[in-house]
Amino acid sequence: MVQAAAQALTFDQFLPLYPEDGGRYELRHGVITEMRPIGAHEEVISLVRRKLDFEIERLGLPYFIPQSCLLKPLREGEGYLPDIIVLNQAKAKADPYWKKHSSISTGDAVRLVVEVVSTNWQDDYLTKLAEYEKLGIPEYWIVDYRALGGIRFIGSPKVPTVWIYRQLTEEYEAGQAFLPGQQLTSLTFPELALSVDQIVEAGKETDSAR
């Protein structure tokens, strides 16, 4: 759902207008847009979040995963609500947008972003990839558990794929594709125990119950 506006909003104008109805909203091209993930999408997010939270707790890392955090990209008129964002606690508190708006305005506080692909797969594969790269976010996952991405990305026949991009210089390295039967390899969480099969199964469970 798109909230009509008299003119394109900036990120700063969007923050006080964020609807307080419990929904999830992003600012896209200056317009407040509601994000409506399906149940399977939420199951996958829940699984990945649990796995990452476990590693943070187990290793005593100075990170946390907020329930909701808006991210301010460099592109004007945009504001993203990542499916999962892992923040450095001290650096997040130093961000001028954090205390009042639960938002982050630079990539310095971010350790990892995860986007679970929906039907508008171009957002995750193209738009957000470019914006997260420009922010200097060191690790970005594209979790395409339903194989929705374009053939040029995941081939034909399409198979569920998790892409992990790592930024060791000013640009992301070529994304590493993880396929069914493979374990993910994370720069931020090198001992993470999570496979593509587990992610795909999490998505299937809700689909079969619908």
N, C-alpha and C. Protein backbone atom coordinates (compact mmCIF):
# COMPACT_ATOMS: atom_id res chain seq x y z
N MET A 1 0.85 -1.20 0.00
CA MET A 1 0.00 0.00 0.00
C MET A 1 0.88 1.24 0.00
N VAL A 2 0.53 2.23 -0.79
CA VAL A 2 1.28 3.47 -0.90
C VAL A 2 0.48 4.60 -0.26
N GLN A 3 1.15 5.35 0.59
CA GLN A 3 0.52 6.50 1.22
C GLN A 3 0.73 7.73 0.32
N ALA A 4 -0.33 8.32 -0.16
CA ALA A 4 -0.21 9.47 -1.04
C ALA A 4 0.38 10.66 -0.30
N ALA A 5 1.22 11.41 -1.01
CA ALA A 5 1.81 12.61 -0.42
C ALA A 5 1.74 13.74 -1.44
N ALA A 6 1.61 14.97 -0.96
CA ALA A 6 1.51 16.12 -1.85
C ALA A 6 2.79 16.29 -2.65
N GLN A 7 3.92 15.97 -2.05
CA GLN A 7 5.20 16.05 -2.74
C GLN A 7 6.12 14.98 -2.16
N ALA A 8 7.18 14.70 -2.89
CA ALA A 8 8.11 13.67 -2.46
C ALA A 8 8.72 14.04 -1.11
N LEU A 9 8.76 13.06 -0.21
CA LEU A 9 9.29 13.30 1.13
C LEU A 9 10.79 13.02 1.18
N THR A 10 11.46 13.71 2.07
CA THR A 10 12.83 13.37 2.40
C THR A 10 12.81 12.38 3.57
N PHE A 11 13.95 11.79 3.87
CA PHE A 11 14.03 10.85 4.99
C PHE A 11 13.64 11.54 6.29
N ASP A 12 14.12 12.76 6.50
CA ASP A 12 13.82 13.49 7.73
C ASP A 12 12.32 13.82 7.84
N GLN A 13 11.67 14.07 6.73
CA GLN A 13 10.23 14.31 6.76
C GLN A 13 9.44 13.03 6.98
N PHE A 14 9.99 11.91 6.51
CA PHE A 14 9.34 10.61 6.65
C PHE A 14 9.28 10.15 8.10
N LEU A 15 10.33 10.40 8.87
CA LEU A 15 10.42 9.87 10.23
C LEU A 15 9.23 10.25 11.11
N PRO A 16 8.85 11.52 11.22
CA PRO A 16 7.70 11.85 12.09
C PRO A 16 6.35 11.42 11.51
N LEU A 17 6.32 11.06 10.23
CA LEU A 17 5.08 10.64 9.58
C LEU A 17 4.93 9.12 9.55
N TYR A 18 5.91 8.40 10.09
CA TYR A 18 5.86 6.94 10.03
C TYR A 18 4.58 6.44 10.71
N PRO A 19 3.74 5.68 9.99
CA PRO A 19 2.47 5.24 10.57
C PRO A 19 2.67 4.39 11.83
N GLU A 20 1.86 4.63 12.83
CA GLU A 20 1.96 3.91 14.10
C GLU A 20 0.86 2.87 14.22
N ASP A 21 0.71 2.06 13.18
CA ASP A 21 -0.34 1.04 13.17
C ASP A 21 0.24 -0.37 13.27
N GLY A 22 1.53 -0.47 13.57
CA GLY A 22 2.16 -1.78 13.69
C GLY A 22 2.65 -2.35 12.38
N GLY A 23 2.41 -1.66 11.27
CA GLY A 23 2.87 -2.14 9.97
C GLY A 23 4.34 -1.81 9.72
N ARG A 24 4.83 -2.30 8.60
CA ARG A 24 6.22 -2.06 8.20
C ARG A 24 6.21 -1.17 6.96
N TYR A 25 6.94 -0.06 7.04
CA TYR A 25 6.91 0.91 5.96
C TYR A 25 8.32 1.33 5.55
N GLU A 26 8.48 1.58 4.27
CA GLU A 26 9.71 2.15 3.75
C GLU A 26 9.38 3.43 2.98
N LEU A 27 10.38 4.24 2.78
CA LEU A 27 10.23 5.42 1.93
C LEU A 27 10.86 5.08 0.58
N ARG A 28 10.05 5.07 -0.46
CA ARG A 28 10.51 4.71 -1.80
C ARG A 28 10.18 5.84 -2.76
N HIS A 29 11.21 6.45 -3.32
CA HIS A 29 11.03 7.56 -4.26
C HIS A 29 10.19 8.68 -3.64
N GLY A 30 10.41 8.91 -2.35
CA GLY A 30 9.71 9.99 -1.66
C GLY A 30 8.30 9.66 -1.21
N VAL A 31 7.88 8.38 -1.36
CA VAL A 31 6.51 7.98 -1.02
C VAL A 31 6.54 6.92 0.08
N ILE A 32 5.70 7.06 1.09
CA ILE A 32 5.59 6.06 2.16
C ILE A 32 4.91 4.82 1.59
N THR A 33 5.60 3.68 1.69
CA THR A 33 5.12 2.44 1.07
C THR A 33 5.08 1.33 2.10
N GLU A 34 3.94 0.66 2.23
CA GLU A 34 3.80 -0.42 3.19
C GLU A 34 4.39 -1.70 2.62
N MET A 35 5.15 -2.40 3.45
CA MET A 35 5.74 -3.67 3.07
C MET A 35 4.89 -4.77 3.69
N ARG A 36 4.42 -5.73 2.89
CA ARG A 36 3.53 -6.77 3.39
C ARG A 36 4.10 -8.16 3.07
N PRO A 37 5.05 -8.64 3.87
CA PRO A 37 5.63 -9.96 3.62
C PRO A 37 4.64 -11.08 3.93
N ILE A 38 4.77 -12.20 3.20
CA ILE A 38 3.93 -13.36 3.46
C ILE A 38 4.45 -14.11 4.68
N GLY A 39 3.67 -15.07 5.16
CA GLY A 39 4.05 -15.80 6.36
C GLY A 39 5.38 -16.51 6.23
N ALA A 40 5.63 -17.16 5.07
CA ALA A 40 6.88 -17.89 4.87
C ALA A 40 8.09 -16.95 4.97
N HIS A 41 7.92 -15.75 4.47
CA HIS A 41 8.96 -14.73 4.55
C HIS A 41 9.35 -14.47 6.01
N GLU A 42 8.34 -14.34 6.86
CA GLU A 42 8.58 -14.09 8.28
C GLU A 42 9.23 -15.29 8.96
N GLU A 43 8.87 -16.51 8.53
CA GLU A 43 9.49 -17.71 9.09
C GLU A 43 10.99 -17.73 8.79
N VAL A 44 11.36 -17.36 7.58
CA VAL A 44 12.77 -17.33 7.20
C VAL A 44 13.51 -16.27 8.00
N ILE A 45 12.92 -15.09 8.11
CA ILE A 45 13.55 -14.03 8.92
C ILE A 45 13.77 -14.50 10.35
N SER A 46 12.75 -15.14 10.92
CA SER A 46 12.84 -15.63 12.30
C SER A 46 13.98 -16.61 12.47
N LEU A 47 14.12 -17.56 11.54
CA LEU A 47 15.20 -18.54 11.63
C LEU A 47 16.56 -17.86 11.58
N VAL A 48 16.77 -17.01 10.61
CA VAL A 48 18.08 -16.36 10.46
C VAL A 48 18.38 -15.50 11.67
N ARG A 49 17.39 -14.76 12.15
CA ARG A 49 17.59 -13.92 13.33
C ARG A 49 18.01 -14.76 14.54
N ARG A 50 17.34 -15.89 14.77
CA ARG A 50 17.69 -16.74 15.90
C ARG A 50 19.13 -17.23 15.81
N LYS A 51 19.53 -17.63 14.62
CA LYS A 51 20.90 -18.13 14.42
C LYS A 51 21.93 -17.04 14.69
N LEU A 52 21.67 -15.83 14.22
CA LEU A 52 22.61 -14.74 14.43
C LEU A 52 22.62 -14.29 15.88
N ASP A 53 21.46 -14.22 16.50
CA ASP A 53 21.39 -13.85 17.92
C ASP A 53 22.15 -14.86 18.78
N PHE A 54 22.04 -16.14 18.42
CA PHE A 54 22.75 -17.18 19.16
C PHE A 54 24.26 -16.95 19.10
N GLU A 55 24.76 -16.61 17.93
CA GLU A 55 26.20 -16.36 17.78
C GLU A 55 26.64 -15.12 18.56
N ILE A 56 25.81 -14.08 18.53
CA ILE A 56 26.14 -12.87 19.29
C ILE A 56 26.25 -13.19 20.78
N GLU A 57 25.29 -13.95 21.30
CA GLU A 57 25.28 -14.33 22.71
C GLU A 57 26.41 -15.28 23.03
N ARG A 58 26.61 -16.28 22.20
CA ARG A 58 27.62 -17.31 22.47
C ARG A 58 29.03 -16.73 22.51
N LEU A 59 29.30 -15.80 21.61
CA LEU A 59 30.65 -15.24 21.50
C LEU A 59 30.82 -13.93 22.27
N GLY A 60 29.73 -13.44 22.88
CA GLY A 60 29.81 -12.19 23.63
C GLY A 60 30.18 -11.00 22.76
N LEU A 61 29.64 -10.96 21.56
CA LEU A 61 29.97 -9.89 20.62
C LEU A 61 29.21 -8.61 20.98
N PRO A 62 29.80 -7.45 20.70
CA PRO A 62 29.16 -6.17 21.04
C PRO A 62 28.13 -5.74 20.01
N TYR A 63 27.30 -6.69 19.56
CA TYR A 63 26.31 -6.43 18.53
C TYR A 63 24.91 -6.67 19.06
N PHE A 64 23.91 -6.17 18.34
CA PHE A 64 22.52 -6.49 18.66
C PHE A 64 21.70 -6.37 17.37
N ILE A 65 20.53 -7.02 17.39
CA ILE A 65 19.63 -6.99 16.26
C ILE A 65 18.34 -6.31 16.69
N PRO A 66 18.08 -5.08 16.28
CA PRO A 66 16.85 -4.40 16.68
C PRO A 66 15.63 -5.03 16.01
N GLN A 67 14.48 -4.92 16.65
CA GLN A 67 13.25 -5.41 16.07
C GLN A 67 12.88 -4.63 14.82
N SER A 68 13.19 -3.35 14.83
CA SER A 68 12.88 -2.49 13.70
C SER A 68 13.90 -1.36 13.65
N CYS A 69 14.46 -1.13 12.48
CA CYS A 69 15.46 -0.07 12.35
C CYS A 69 15.43 0.46 10.93
N LEU A 70 15.11 1.72 10.78
CA LEU A 70 15.16 2.35 9.47
C LEU A 70 16.60 2.72 9.12
N LEU A 71 16.93 2.55 7.85
CA LEU A 71 18.27 2.84 7.39
C LEU A 71 18.19 3.95 6.34
N LYS A 72 19.00 4.97 6.53
CA LYS A 72 19.00 6.13 5.63
C LYS A 72 20.09 5.94 4.57
N PRO A 73 19.71 5.64 3.33
CA PRO A 73 20.72 5.51 2.29
C PRO A 73 21.18 6.89 1.81
N LEU A 74 22.20 6.91 0.97
CA LEU A 74 22.69 8.18 0.44
C LEU A 74 21.71 8.75 -0.59
N ARG A 75 20.94 7.90 -1.24
CA ARG A 75 19.97 8.36 -2.23
C ARG A 75 18.85 9.12 -1.55
N GLU A 76 18.55 10.32 -2.03
CA GLU A 76 17.51 11.15 -1.43
C GLU A 76 16.13 10.54 -1.68
N GLY A 77 15.24 10.74 -0.71
CA GLY A 77 13.87 10.27 -0.85
C GLY A 77 13.70 8.78 -0.61
N GLU A 78 14.69 8.14 0.03
CA GLU A 78 14.64 6.72 0.31
C GLU A 78 14.85 6.47 1.80
N GLY A 79 14.24 5.41 2.30
CA GLY A 79 14.44 4.97 3.68
C GLY A 79 14.09 3.49 3.74
N TYR A 80 15.04 2.64 4.08
CA TYR A 80 14.84 1.20 4.03
C TYR A 80 14.66 0.61 5.42
N LEU A 81 13.86 -0.44 5.47
CA LEU A 81 13.62 -1.17 6.70
C LEU A 81 14.12 -2.60 6.48
N PRO A 82 15.41 -2.86 6.72
CA PRO A 82 15.95 -4.19 6.43
C PRO A 82 15.23 -5.29 7.18
N ASP A 83 15.16 -6.48 6.57
CA ASP A 83 14.55 -7.61 7.26
C ASP A 83 15.34 -7.95 8.52
N ILE A 84 16.66 -7.88 8.44
CA ILE A 84 17.52 -8.07 9.60
C ILE A 84 18.70 -7.11 9.45
N ILE A 85 19.02 -6.40 10.54
CA ILE A 85 20.20 -5.55 10.54
C ILE A 85 20.95 -5.77 11.85
N VAL A 86 22.21 -6.08 11.75
CA VAL A 86 23.06 -6.31 12.92
C VAL A 86 23.88 -5.04 13.15
N LEU A 87 23.74 -4.48 14.35
CA LEU A 87 24.39 -3.22 14.67
C LEU A 87 25.46 -3.39 15.74
N ASN A 88 26.51 -2.58 15.61
CA ASN A 88 27.49 -2.43 16.68
C ASN A 88 26.86 -1.52 17.73
N GLN A 89 26.78 -1.98 18.96
CA GLN A 89 26.02 -1.26 19.98
C GLN A 89 26.56 0.14 20.23
N ALA A 90 27.86 0.28 20.43
CA ALA A 90 28.44 1.59 20.73
C ALA A 90 28.29 2.56 19.56
N LYS A 91 28.52 2.06 18.35
CA LYS A 91 28.44 2.94 17.19
C LYS A 91 27.00 3.32 16.87
N ALA A 92 26.07 2.43 17.13
CA ALA A 92 24.66 2.77 16.92
C ALA A 92 24.24 3.90 17.85
N LYS A 93 24.66 3.84 19.10
CA LYS A 93 24.30 4.88 20.07
C LYS A 93 24.88 6.23 19.68
N ALA A 94 25.98 6.22 18.94
CA ALA A 94 26.61 7.47 18.52
C ALA A 94 25.96 8.08 17.28
N ASP A 95 25.10 7.32 16.62
CA ASP A 95 24.45 7.83 15.42
C ASP A 95 23.38 8.85 15.80
N PRO A 96 23.35 10.01 15.17
CA PRO A 96 22.40 11.06 15.57
C PRO A 96 20.93 10.68 15.39
N TYR A 97 20.63 9.67 14.59
CA TYR A 97 19.25 9.27 14.36
C TYR A 97 18.78 8.15 15.30
N TRP A 98 19.70 7.55 16.03
CA TRP A 98 19.33 6.34 16.75
C TRP A 98 18.43 6.60 17.97
N LYS A 99 18.84 7.48 18.84
CA LYS A 99 18.14 7.65 20.12
C LYS A 99 16.69 8.08 19.93
N LYS A 100 16.42 8.98 19.01
CA LYS A 100 15.08 9.53 18.86
C LYS A 100 14.24 8.74 17.87
N HIS A 101 14.88 8.17 16.83
CA HIS A 101 14.11 7.58 15.74
C HIS A 101 14.38 6.10 15.50
N SER A 102 15.24 5.46 16.29
CA SER A 102 15.61 4.06 16.06
C SER A 102 16.04 3.86 14.60
N SER A 103 16.82 4.79 14.12
CA SER A 103 17.27 4.78 12.73
C SER A 103 18.78 4.95 12.67
N ILE A 104 19.35 4.54 11.56
CA ILE A 104 20.79 4.63 11.34
C ILE A 104 21.04 5.41 10.06
N SER A 105 21.98 6.35 10.12
CA SER A 105 22.21 7.23 8.98
C SER A 105 23.55 6.99 8.29
N THR A 106 24.39 6.12 8.84
CA THR A 106 25.66 5.80 8.21
C THR A 106 25.89 4.29 8.30
N GLY A 107 26.76 3.80 7.45
CA GLY A 107 27.06 2.37 7.48
C GLY A 107 28.04 1.99 8.56
N ASP A 108 28.60 2.96 9.25
CA ASP A 108 29.65 2.69 10.23
C ASP A 108 29.16 1.80 11.37
N ALA A 109 27.90 1.94 11.76
CA ALA A 109 27.35 1.16 12.88
C ALA A 109 26.87 -0.22 12.46
N VAL A 110 26.79 -0.47 11.17
CA VAL A 110 26.18 -1.70 10.66
C VAL A 110 27.24 -2.76 10.40
N ARG A 111 26.99 -3.97 10.90
CA ARG A 111 27.87 -5.09 10.64
C ARG A 111 27.36 -5.98 9.52
N LEU A 112 26.04 -6.12 9.42
CA LEU A 112 25.45 -7.05 8.48
C LEU A 112 24.00 -6.66 8.21
N VAL A 113 23.58 -6.77 6.95
CA VAL A 113 22.18 -6.59 6.57
C VAL A 113 21.72 -7.83 5.82
N VAL A 114 20.52 -8.30 6.15
CA VAL A 114 19.92 -9.45 5.46
C VAL A 114 18.60 -8.99 4.86
N GLU A 115 18.42 -9.24 3.57
CA GLU A 115 17.13 -9.00 2.91
C GLU A 115 16.62 -10.34 2.38
N VAL A 116 15.39 -10.68 2.74
CA VAL A 116 14.74 -11.89 2.25
C VAL A 116 13.90 -11.50 1.03
N VAL A 117 14.15 -12.13 -0.08
CA VAL A 117 13.61 -11.70 -1.37
C VAL A 117 12.11 -11.94 -1.45
N SER A 118 11.39 -10.92 -1.94
CA SER A 118 9.96 -11.01 -2.25
C SER A 118 9.79 -10.88 -3.76
N THR A 119 8.55 -10.74 -4.20
CA THR A 119 8.30 -10.69 -5.64
C THR A 119 8.96 -9.48 -6.31
N ASN A 120 9.18 -8.41 -5.56
CA ASN A 120 9.90 -7.26 -6.10
C ASN A 120 11.41 -7.46 -5.91
N TRP A 121 11.90 -8.57 -6.48
CA TRP A 121 13.28 -9.02 -6.24
C TRP A 121 14.32 -8.02 -6.72
N GLN A 122 13.97 -7.16 -7.67
CA GLN A 122 14.94 -6.19 -8.18
C GLN A 122 15.43 -5.24 -7.08
N ASP A 123 14.56 -4.96 -6.11
CA ASP A 123 14.97 -4.09 -5.00
C ASP A 123 16.19 -4.64 -4.29
N ASP A 124 16.16 -5.94 -3.98
CA ASP A 124 17.24 -6.54 -3.20
C ASP A 124 18.48 -6.81 -4.05
N TYR A 125 18.28 -7.26 -5.28
CA TYR A 125 19.40 -7.62 -6.15
C TYR A 125 20.10 -6.41 -6.77
N LEU A 126 19.37 -5.32 -6.93
CA LEU A 126 19.92 -4.18 -7.65
C LEU A 126 19.98 -2.92 -6.78
N THR A 127 18.79 -2.39 -6.43
CA THR A 127 18.73 -1.10 -5.75
C THR A 127 19.42 -1.12 -4.39
N LYS A 128 19.02 -2.05 -3.53
CA LYS A 128 19.58 -2.06 -2.18
C LYS A 128 21.03 -2.52 -2.18
N LEU A 129 21.38 -3.41 -3.07
CA LEU A 129 22.78 -3.81 -3.17
C LEU A 129 23.66 -2.59 -3.43
N ALA A 130 23.26 -1.75 -4.37
CA ALA A 130 24.04 -0.56 -4.69
C ALA A 130 24.08 0.43 -3.53
N GLU A 131 22.94 0.62 -2.86
CA GLU A 131 22.89 1.58 -1.77
C GLU A 131 23.67 1.09 -0.55
N TYR A 132 23.58 -0.19 -0.23
CA TYR A 132 24.33 -0.72 0.91
C TYR A 132 25.83 -0.68 0.63
N GLU A 133 26.20 -0.88 -0.61
CA GLU A 133 27.61 -0.77 -0.98
C GLU A 133 28.11 0.65 -0.76
N LYS A 134 27.32 1.65 -1.21
CA LYS A 134 27.72 3.05 -1.06
C LYS A 134 27.83 3.46 0.41
N LEU A 135 27.00 2.84 1.27
CA LEU A 135 27.06 3.14 2.71
C LEU A 135 28.26 2.49 3.38
N GLY A 136 28.89 1.54 2.72
CA GLY A 136 30.04 0.85 3.30
C GLY A 136 29.65 -0.26 4.25
N ILE A 137 28.46 -0.83 4.08
CA ILE A 137 28.04 -1.95 4.93
C ILE A 137 28.87 -3.17 4.57
N PRO A 138 29.60 -3.75 5.53
CA PRO A 138 30.62 -4.76 5.20
C PRO A 138 30.09 -6.10 4.72
N GLU A 139 28.84 -6.43 5.04
CA GLU A 139 28.31 -7.73 4.62
C GLU A 139 26.81 -7.61 4.34
N TYR A 140 26.40 -8.14 3.20
CA TYR A 140 25.00 -8.06 2.76
C TYR A 140 24.58 -9.41 2.22
N TRP A 141 23.46 -9.94 2.79
CA TRP A 141 22.90 -11.22 2.33
C TRP A 141 21.62 -10.96 1.54
N ILE A 142 21.49 -11.65 0.42
CA ILE A 142 20.24 -11.71 -0.33
C ILE A 142 19.74 -13.14 -0.22
N VAL A 143 18.67 -13.33 0.54
CA VAL A 143 18.15 -14.67 0.82
C VAL A 143 16.97 -14.94 -0.13
N ASP A 144 17.26 -15.62 -1.22
CA ASP A 144 16.26 -15.89 -2.25
C ASP A 144 15.78 -17.34 -2.11
N TYR A 145 15.03 -17.60 -1.04
CA TYR A 145 14.64 -18.97 -0.71
C TYR A 145 13.57 -19.53 -1.64
N ARG A 146 12.87 -18.65 -2.36
CA ARG A 146 11.86 -19.10 -3.31
C ARG A 146 12.34 -19.03 -4.76
N ALA A 147 13.62 -18.69 -4.95
CA ALA A 147 14.20 -18.60 -6.30
C ALA A 147 13.40 -17.64 -7.18
N LEU A 148 13.21 -16.42 -6.69
CA LEU A 148 12.42 -15.43 -7.41
C LEU A 148 13.28 -14.54 -8.31
N GLY A 149 14.57 -14.48 -8.08
CA GLY A 149 15.45 -13.58 -8.81
C GLY A 149 15.52 -13.89 -10.29
N GLY A 150 16.03 -12.94 -11.05
CA GLY A 150 16.14 -13.10 -12.49
C GLY A 150 17.09 -14.23 -12.88
N ILE A 151 16.88 -14.77 -14.05
CA ILE A 151 17.71 -15.87 -14.55
C ILE A 151 19.17 -15.47 -14.61
N ARG A 152 19.44 -14.20 -14.92
CA ARG A 152 20.84 -13.77 -15.01
C ARG A 152 21.56 -13.83 -13.67
N PHE A 153 20.78 -13.91 -12.58
CA PHE A 153 21.37 -14.02 -11.26
C PHE A 153 21.44 -15.47 -10.78
N ILE A 154 20.35 -16.21 -10.91
CA ILE A 154 20.31 -17.56 -10.32
C ILE A 154 20.20 -18.66 -11.35
N GLY A 155 20.31 -18.29 -12.64
CA GLY A 155 20.37 -19.31 -13.67
C GLY A 155 19.03 -19.96 -13.98
N SER A 156 19.09 -20.93 -14.86
CA SER A 156 17.89 -21.68 -15.27
C SER A 156 18.25 -23.15 -15.40
N PRO A 157 17.50 -24.06 -14.75
CA PRO A 157 16.32 -23.76 -13.93
C PRO A 157 16.70 -23.03 -12.64
N LYS A 158 15.80 -22.23 -12.16
CA LYS A 158 16.06 -21.46 -10.95
C LYS A 158 16.08 -22.36 -9.72
N VAL A 159 17.01 -22.09 -8.81
CA VAL A 159 17.08 -22.83 -7.55
C VAL A 159 17.23 -21.83 -6.41
N PRO A 160 16.75 -22.17 -5.21
CA PRO A 160 16.94 -21.28 -4.06
C PRO A 160 18.43 -20.95 -3.87
N THR A 161 18.70 -19.68 -3.63
CA THR A 161 20.08 -19.22 -3.54
C THR A 161 20.19 -18.17 -2.44
N VAL A 162 21.28 -18.23 -1.69
CA VAL A 162 21.62 -17.16 -0.76
C VAL A 162 22.91 -16.53 -1.26
N TRP A 163 22.84 -15.25 -1.55
CA TRP A 163 24.02 -14.51 -1.99
C TRP A 163 24.62 -13.76 -0.80
N ILE A 164 25.93 -13.84 -0.66
CA ILE A 164 26.61 -13.07 0.39
C ILE A 164 27.66 -12.19 -0.27
N TYR A 165 27.49 -10.89 -0.05
CA TYR A 165 28.42 -9.89 -0.57
C TYR A 165 29.28 -9.36 0.58
N ARG A 166 30.57 -9.25 0.34
CA ARG A 166 31.50 -8.76 1.36
C ARG A 166 32.24 -7.54 0.80
N GLN A 167 32.38 -6.54 1.64
CA GLN A 167 33.06 -5.32 1.22
C GLN A 167 34.37 -5.19 1.98
N LEU A 168 35.45 -5.49 1.30
CA LEU A 168 36.78 -5.38 1.91
C LEU A 168 37.51 -4.14 1.42
N THR A 169 37.02 -3.53 0.33
CA THR A 169 37.55 -2.26 -0.16
C THR A 169 36.37 -1.30 -0.27
N GLU A 170 36.35 -0.44 -1.26
CA GLU A 170 35.24 0.49 -1.41
C GLU A 170 34.05 -0.16 -2.12
N GLU A 171 34.27 -1.33 -2.71
CA GLU A 171 33.19 -1.99 -3.44
C GLU A 171 33.01 -3.41 -2.91
N TYR A 172 31.80 -3.94 -3.13
CA TYR A 172 31.57 -5.34 -2.78
C TYR A 172 32.37 -6.23 -3.73
N GLU A 173 32.90 -7.30 -3.16
CA GLU A 173 33.45 -8.34 -4.02
C GLU A 173 32.30 -9.02 -4.74
N ALA A 174 32.60 -9.77 -5.78
CA ALA A 174 31.56 -10.53 -6.47
C ALA A 174 30.83 -11.40 -5.46
N GLY A 175 29.52 -11.36 -5.48
CA GLY A 175 28.74 -12.10 -4.50
C GLY A 175 28.99 -13.60 -4.59
N GLN A 176 29.05 -14.24 -3.42
CA GLN A 176 29.21 -15.69 -3.37
C GLN A 176 27.84 -16.33 -3.26
N ALA A 177 27.54 -17.24 -4.17
CA ALA A 177 26.24 -17.91 -4.20
C ALA A 177 26.30 -19.21 -3.43
N PHE A 178 25.36 -19.37 -2.49
CA PHE A 178 25.23 -20.60 -1.71
C PHE A 178 23.94 -21.29 -2.15
N LEU A 179 24.05 -22.57 -2.47
CA LEU A 179 22.95 -23.34 -3.04
C LEU A 179 22.50 -24.43 -2.08
N PRO A 180 21.36 -25.07 -2.34
CA PRO A 180 20.93 -26.18 -1.49
C PRO A 180 22.05 -27.21 -1.31
N GLY A 181 22.17 -27.69 -0.06
CA GLY A 181 23.24 -28.62 0.27
C GLY A 181 24.49 -27.95 0.80
N GLN A 182 24.52 -26.61 0.81
CA GLN A 182 25.72 -25.89 1.26
C GLN A 182 25.47 -25.12 2.55
N GLN A 183 26.52 -24.98 3.34
CA GLN A 183 26.52 -24.15 4.54
C GLN A 183 26.92 -22.73 4.17
N LEU A 184 26.32 -21.74 4.82
CA LEU A 184 26.70 -20.35 4.59
C LEU A 184 28.04 -20.06 5.24
N THR A 185 28.79 -19.17 4.62
CA THR A 185 30.06 -18.71 5.18
C THR A 185 29.98 -17.21 5.36
N SER A 186 30.02 -16.76 6.61
CA SER A 186 29.83 -15.35 6.93
C SER A 186 31.13 -14.72 7.41
N LEU A 187 31.39 -13.51 6.92
CA LEU A 187 32.55 -12.75 7.38
C LEU A 187 32.35 -12.28 8.81
N THR A 188 31.14 -11.86 9.14
CA THR A 188 30.84 -11.33 10.47
C THR A 188 30.72 -12.44 11.50
N PHE A 189 30.18 -13.60 11.08
CA PHE A 189 29.97 -14.72 11.99
C PHE A 189 30.62 -15.98 11.40
N PRO A 190 31.94 -16.08 11.49
CA PRO A 190 32.66 -17.17 10.81
C PRO A 190 32.33 -18.57 11.32
N GLU A 191 31.76 -18.69 12.52
CA GLU A 191 31.43 -20.01 13.05
C GLU A 191 29.93 -20.31 12.94
N LEU A 192 29.22 -19.51 12.18
CA LEU A 192 27.78 -19.67 12.03
C LEU A 192 27.42 -21.04 11.45
N ALA A 193 26.44 -21.70 12.07
CA ALA A 193 25.96 -22.99 11.58
C ALA A 193 24.57 -22.78 10.99
N LEU A 194 24.52 -22.52 9.68
CA LEU A 194 23.26 -22.28 8.99
C LEU A 194 23.42 -22.70 7.54
N SER A 195 22.49 -23.48 7.05
CA SER A 195 22.57 -23.98 5.68
C SER A 195 21.43 -23.44 4.84
N VAL A 196 21.60 -23.49 3.54
CA VAL A 196 20.53 -23.10 2.62
C VAL A 196 19.33 -24.02 2.81
N ASP A 197 19.58 -25.30 3.05
CA ASP A 197 18.48 -26.25 3.24
C ASP A 197 17.61 -25.85 4.43
N GLN A 198 18.22 -25.41 5.52
CA GLN A 198 17.45 -24.98 6.69
C GLN A 198 16.57 -23.78 6.35
N ILE A 199 17.12 -22.87 5.58
CA ILE A 199 16.37 -21.67 5.20
C ILE A 199 15.18 -22.04 4.31
N VAL A 200 15.43 -22.88 3.32
CA VAL A 200 14.35 -23.30 2.42
C VAL A 200 13.27 -24.05 3.18
N GLU A 201 13.68 -24.91 4.12
CA GLU A 201 12.70 -25.67 4.90
C GLU A 201 11.85 -24.75 5.77
N ALA A 202 12.46 -23.70 6.33
CA ALA A 202 11.70 -22.75 7.14
C ALA A 202 10.61 -22.09 6.31
N GLY A 203 10.91 -21.77 5.07
CA GLY A 203 9.91 -21.18 4.19
C GLY A 203 8.83 -22.16 3.79
N LYS A 204 9.18 -23.40 3.59
CA LYS A 204 8.21 -24.42 3.17
C LYS A 204 7.19 -24.71 4.26
N GLU A 205 7.61 -24.69 5.52
CA GLU A 205 6.72 -25.08 6.62
C GLU A 205 5.48 -24.21 6.66
N THR A 206 5.63 -22.90 6.50
CA THR A 206 4.48 -22.04 6.53
C THR A 206 3.65 -22.20 5.27
N ASP A 207 4.31 -22.37 4.12
CA ASP A 207 3.56 -22.55 2.87
C ASP A 207 2.64 -23.77 2.95
N SER A 208 3.12 -24.88 3.55
CA SER A 208 2.34 -26.10 3.59
C SER A 208 1.16 -25.99 4.57
N ALA A 209 1.27 -25.04 5.50
CA ALA A 209 0.19 -24.89 6.49
C ALA A 209 -0.90 -23.94 6.03
N ARG A 210 -0.66 -23.25 4.92
CA ARG A 210 -1.62 -22.24 4.45
C ARG A 210 -2.81 -22.91 3.77
